Amino acid sequence: RSLSLVLDEFYDHLHNVGVSAATGEGVEEFWEVVGKAAEEYEEGYLVDLRNRVEEQVAKERAKKRVGARKLVRDLQHDGEMAS
């Protein structure tokens, strides 16, 4: 994908709120948006991240099992050759 499409998608999901430093207007709305963003993070991104980590851990375990099996097979083969 092009950078332009990635940026468009990023900005489509970006929340913005106008807040006045002078009057404080918009502060309540700001905290509401922050709360919604936190929920989105916990329910969306964090769940996806945990799933990816679990998948990676499972792949690493499988890779180690395959390596261990190969080692055992090679050691058995070497033991047979020495006999």
N, C-alpha and C. Protein backbone atom coordinates (compact mmCIF):
# COMPACT_ATOMS: atom_id res chain seq x y z
N ARG A 1 0.83 -1.18 0.00
CA ARG A 1 0.00 0.00 0.00
C ARG A 1 0.87 1.24 0.00
N SER A 2 0.32 2.26 -0.54
CA SER A 2 1.08 3.51 -0.60
C SER A 2 1.01 4.23 0.75
N LEU A 3 1.98 5.07 0.98
CA LEU A 3 2.01 5.86 2.21
C LEU A 3 0.78 6.75 2.31
N SER A 4 0.32 7.25 1.18
CA SER A 4 -0.85 8.11 1.17
C SER A 4 -2.08 7.37 1.70
N LEU A 5 -2.27 6.13 1.29
CA LEU A 5 -3.41 5.35 1.76
C LEU A 5 -3.29 5.04 3.25
N VAL A 6 -2.08 4.74 3.69
CA VAL A 6 -1.85 4.46 5.10
C VAL A 6 -2.18 5.69 5.94
N LEU A 7 -1.72 6.86 5.48
CA LEU A 7 -2.01 8.09 6.21
C LEU A 7 -3.50 8.41 6.21
N ASP A 8 -4.17 8.19 5.09
CA ASP A 8 -5.61 8.42 5.03
C ASP A 8 -6.33 7.55 6.05
N GLU A 9 -5.95 6.29 6.11
CA GLU A 9 -6.58 5.38 7.06
C GLU A 9 -6.30 5.81 8.50
N PHE A 10 -5.06 6.23 8.76
CA PHE A 10 -4.70 6.69 10.10
C PHE A 10 -5.55 7.88 10.51
N TYR A 11 -5.64 8.86 9.64
CA TYR A 11 -6.38 10.08 9.99
C TYR A 11 -7.89 9.86 10.02
N ASP A 12 -8.39 8.84 9.31
CA ASP A 12 -9.82 8.53 9.39
C ASP A 12 -10.21 8.07 10.79
N HIS A 13 -9.30 7.41 11.48
CA HIS A 13 -9.58 6.87 12.81
C HIS A 13 -9.06 7.75 13.94
N LEU A 14 -8.56 8.90 13.61
CA LEU A 14 -8.01 9.81 14.61
C LEU A 14 -9.14 10.66 15.20
N HIS A 15 -9.20 10.69 16.52
CA HIS A 15 -10.21 11.50 17.20
C HIS A 15 -9.61 12.87 17.49
N ASN A 16 -10.42 13.91 17.34
CA ASN A 16 -9.93 15.24 17.69
C ASN A 16 -11.03 16.00 18.43
N VAL A 17 -10.57 16.85 19.31
CA VAL A 17 -11.48 17.64 20.14
C VAL A 17 -10.86 19.02 20.30
N GLY A 18 -11.69 20.03 20.16
CA GLY A 18 -11.22 21.40 20.40
C GLY A 18 -11.30 21.73 21.88
N VAL A 19 -10.20 22.21 22.43
CA VAL A 19 -10.16 22.58 23.84
C VAL A 19 -9.60 23.99 23.94
N SER A 20 -10.25 24.83 24.73
CA SER A 20 -9.79 26.20 24.94
C SER A 20 -8.93 26.26 26.19
N ALA A 21 -7.70 26.72 26.04
CA ALA A 21 -6.82 26.90 27.19
C ALA A 21 -7.29 28.07 28.03
N ALA A 22 -7.95 29.02 27.41
CA ALA A 22 -8.38 30.22 28.13
C ALA A 22 -9.64 29.96 28.96
N THR A 23 -10.62 29.26 28.38
CA THR A 23 -11.90 29.08 29.07
C THR A 23 -12.10 27.67 29.60
N GLY A 24 -11.33 26.73 29.12
CA GLY A 24 -11.51 25.33 29.53
C GLY A 24 -12.62 24.63 28.79
N GLU A 25 -13.22 25.34 27.84
CA GLU A 25 -14.30 24.74 27.07
C GLU A 25 -13.76 23.55 26.28
N GLY A 26 -14.49 22.44 26.31
CA GLY A 26 -14.11 21.24 25.56
C GLY A 26 -13.34 20.22 26.38
N VAL A 27 -13.00 20.55 27.63
CA VAL A 27 -12.23 19.63 28.45
C VAL A 27 -13.02 18.36 28.74
N GLU A 28 -14.31 18.50 29.06
CA GLU A 28 -15.14 17.31 29.33
C GLU A 28 -15.18 16.41 28.11
N GLU A 29 -15.40 17.00 26.96
CA GLU A 29 -15.43 16.21 25.71
C GLU A 29 -14.08 15.55 25.47
N PHE A 30 -13.00 16.27 25.79
CA PHE A 30 -11.66 15.70 25.64
C PHE A 30 -11.53 14.43 26.46
N TRP A 31 -11.94 14.46 27.72
CA TRP A 31 -11.81 13.28 28.57
C TRP A 31 -12.73 12.15 28.13
N GLU A 32 -13.88 12.49 27.57
CA GLU A 32 -14.76 11.45 27.01
C GLU A 32 -14.07 10.74 25.85
N VAL A 33 -13.44 11.52 24.98
CA VAL A 33 -12.75 10.94 23.82
C VAL A 33 -11.56 10.11 24.28
N VAL A 34 -10.85 10.58 25.30
CA VAL A 34 -9.72 9.81 25.85
C VAL A 34 -10.23 8.47 26.39
N GLY A 35 -11.36 8.49 27.08
CA GLY A 35 -11.94 7.25 27.61
C GLY A 35 -12.33 6.29 26.50
N LYS A 36 -12.93 6.82 25.45
CA LYS A 36 -13.31 5.98 24.30
C LYS A 36 -12.07 5.40 23.63
N ALA A 37 -11.04 6.21 23.51
CA ALA A 37 -9.80 5.73 22.89
C ALA A 37 -9.17 4.63 23.73
N ALA A 38 -9.23 4.76 25.05
CA ALA A 38 -8.69 3.73 25.94
C ALA A 38 -9.47 2.42 25.76
N GLU A 39 -10.79 2.53 25.65
CA GLU A 39 -11.60 1.34 25.42
C GLU A 39 -11.25 0.68 24.09
N GLU A 40 -11.11 1.48 23.04
CA GLU A 40 -10.73 0.95 21.73
C GLU A 40 -9.39 0.24 21.81
N TYR A 41 -8.46 0.82 22.54
CA TYR A 41 -7.14 0.22 22.70
C TYR A 41 -7.25 -1.14 23.39
N GLU A 42 -7.99 -1.18 24.50
CA GLU A 42 -8.10 -2.41 25.27
C GLU A 42 -8.89 -3.49 24.54
N GLU A 43 -9.93 -3.10 23.82
CA GLU A 43 -10.80 -4.07 23.17
C GLU A 43 -10.32 -4.46 21.77
N GLY A 44 -9.55 -3.61 21.16
CA GLY A 44 -9.10 -3.88 19.79
C GLY A 44 -7.63 -4.19 19.70
N TYR A 45 -6.83 -3.17 19.87
CA TYR A 45 -5.39 -3.31 19.66
C TYR A 45 -4.76 -4.29 20.64
N LEU A 46 -5.08 -4.16 21.91
CA LEU A 46 -4.46 -4.99 22.93
C LEU A 46 -4.81 -6.46 22.72
N VAL A 47 -6.06 -6.74 22.38
CA VAL A 47 -6.49 -8.12 22.11
C VAL A 47 -5.72 -8.67 20.91
N ASP A 48 -5.60 -7.88 19.86
CA ASP A 48 -4.86 -8.30 18.67
C ASP A 48 -3.40 -8.53 19.00
N LEU A 49 -2.81 -7.65 19.78
CA LEU A 49 -1.40 -7.79 20.16
C LEU A 49 -1.18 -9.06 20.96
N ARG A 50 -2.05 -9.33 21.90
CA ARG A 50 -1.92 -10.57 22.70
C ARG A 50 -2.04 -11.80 21.81
N ASN A 51 -2.97 -11.78 20.87
CA ASN A 51 -3.11 -12.91 19.95
C ASN A 51 -1.85 -13.11 19.12
N ARG A 52 -1.28 -12.03 18.64
CA ARG A 52 -0.04 -12.13 17.85
C ARG A 52 1.11 -12.68 18.68
N VAL A 53 1.21 -12.23 19.92
CA VAL A 53 2.27 -12.72 20.80
C VAL A 53 2.08 -14.22 21.05
N GLU A 54 0.84 -14.63 21.32
CA GLU A 54 0.56 -16.05 21.54
C GLU A 54 0.92 -16.88 20.30
N GLU A 55 0.59 -16.38 19.12
CA GLU A 55 0.93 -17.08 17.88
C GLU A 55 2.44 -17.21 17.74
N GLN A 56 3.16 -16.13 18.04
CA GLN A 56 4.61 -16.15 17.92
C GLN A 56 5.23 -17.14 18.90
N VAL A 57 4.71 -17.17 20.13
CA VAL A 57 5.20 -18.11 21.14
C VAL A 57 4.94 -19.54 20.67
N ALA A 58 3.76 -19.79 20.13
CA ALA A 58 3.42 -21.14 19.65
C ALA A 58 4.35 -21.54 18.50
N LYS A 59 4.65 -20.62 17.60
CA LYS A 59 5.56 -20.92 16.49
C LYS A 59 6.95 -21.24 17.01
N GLU A 60 7.41 -20.48 17.99
CA GLU A 60 8.75 -20.72 18.57
C GLU A 60 8.79 -22.08 19.26
N ARG A 61 7.74 -22.43 19.98
CA ARG A 61 7.69 -23.74 20.65
C ARG A 61 7.73 -24.86 19.62
N ALA A 62 6.95 -24.71 18.55
CA ALA A 62 6.93 -25.72 17.50
C ALA A 62 8.30 -25.85 16.86
N LYS A 63 8.95 -24.73 16.63
CA LYS A 63 10.29 -24.74 16.03
C LYS A 63 11.28 -25.47 16.95
N LYS A 64 11.17 -25.23 18.25
CA LYS A 64 12.05 -25.90 19.21
C LYS A 64 11.79 -27.40 19.26
N ARG A 65 10.51 -27.78 19.17
CA ARG A 65 10.18 -29.21 19.17
C ARG A 65 10.77 -29.91 17.95
N VAL A 66 10.66 -29.26 16.81
CA VAL A 66 11.22 -29.83 15.58
C VAL A 66 12.73 -29.95 15.72
N GLY A 67 13.37 -28.93 16.25
CA GLY A 67 14.82 -28.97 16.44
C GLY A 67 15.23 -30.07 17.40
N ALA A 68 14.46 -30.25 18.48
CA ALA A 68 14.77 -31.30 19.45
C ALA A 68 14.61 -32.67 18.82
N ARG A 69 13.58 -32.86 18.02
CA ARG A 69 13.38 -34.15 17.33
C ARG A 69 14.54 -34.44 16.38
N LYS A 70 14.97 -33.43 15.66
CA LYS A 70 16.10 -33.61 14.74
C LYS A 70 17.36 -33.97 15.51
N LEU A 71 17.58 -33.33 16.64
CA LEU A 71 18.75 -33.62 17.45
C LEU A 71 18.73 -35.05 17.94
N VAL A 72 17.58 -35.49 18.46
CA VAL A 72 17.45 -36.88 18.93
C VAL A 72 17.71 -37.85 17.79
N ARG A 73 17.11 -37.58 16.64
CA ARG A 73 17.30 -38.46 15.48
C ARG A 73 18.77 -38.50 15.07
N ASP A 74 19.42 -37.35 15.04
CA ASP A 74 20.83 -37.30 14.66
C ASP A 74 21.71 -38.03 15.67
N LEU A 75 21.41 -37.88 16.96
CA LEU A 75 22.19 -38.57 17.98
C LEU A 75 22.01 -40.08 17.89
N GLN A 76 20.77 -40.49 17.62
CA GLN A 76 20.53 -41.92 17.45
C GLN A 76 21.28 -42.45 16.24
N HIS A 77 21.27 -41.69 15.18
CA HIS A 77 21.96 -42.09 13.94
C HIS A 77 23.47 -42.16 14.21
N ASP A 78 24.03 -41.19 14.92
CA ASP A 78 25.45 -41.19 15.22
C ASP A 78 25.81 -42.37 16.12
N GLY A 79 24.91 -42.70 17.06
CA GLY A 79 25.15 -43.85 17.95
C GLY A 79 25.15 -45.15 17.16
N GLU A 80 24.28 -45.26 16.17
CA GLU A 80 24.23 -46.46 15.34
C GLU A 80 25.49 -46.58 14.49
N MET A 81 25.99 -45.44 14.00
CA MET A 81 27.19 -45.43 13.17
C MET A 81 28.42 -45.82 13.99
N ALA A 82 28.47 -45.45 15.27
CA ALA A 82 29.61 -45.74 16.11
C ALA A 82 29.64 -47.21 16.50
N SER A 83 28.50 -47.89 16.48
CA SER A 83 28.43 -49.29 16.90
C SER A 83 28.98 -50.24 15.88
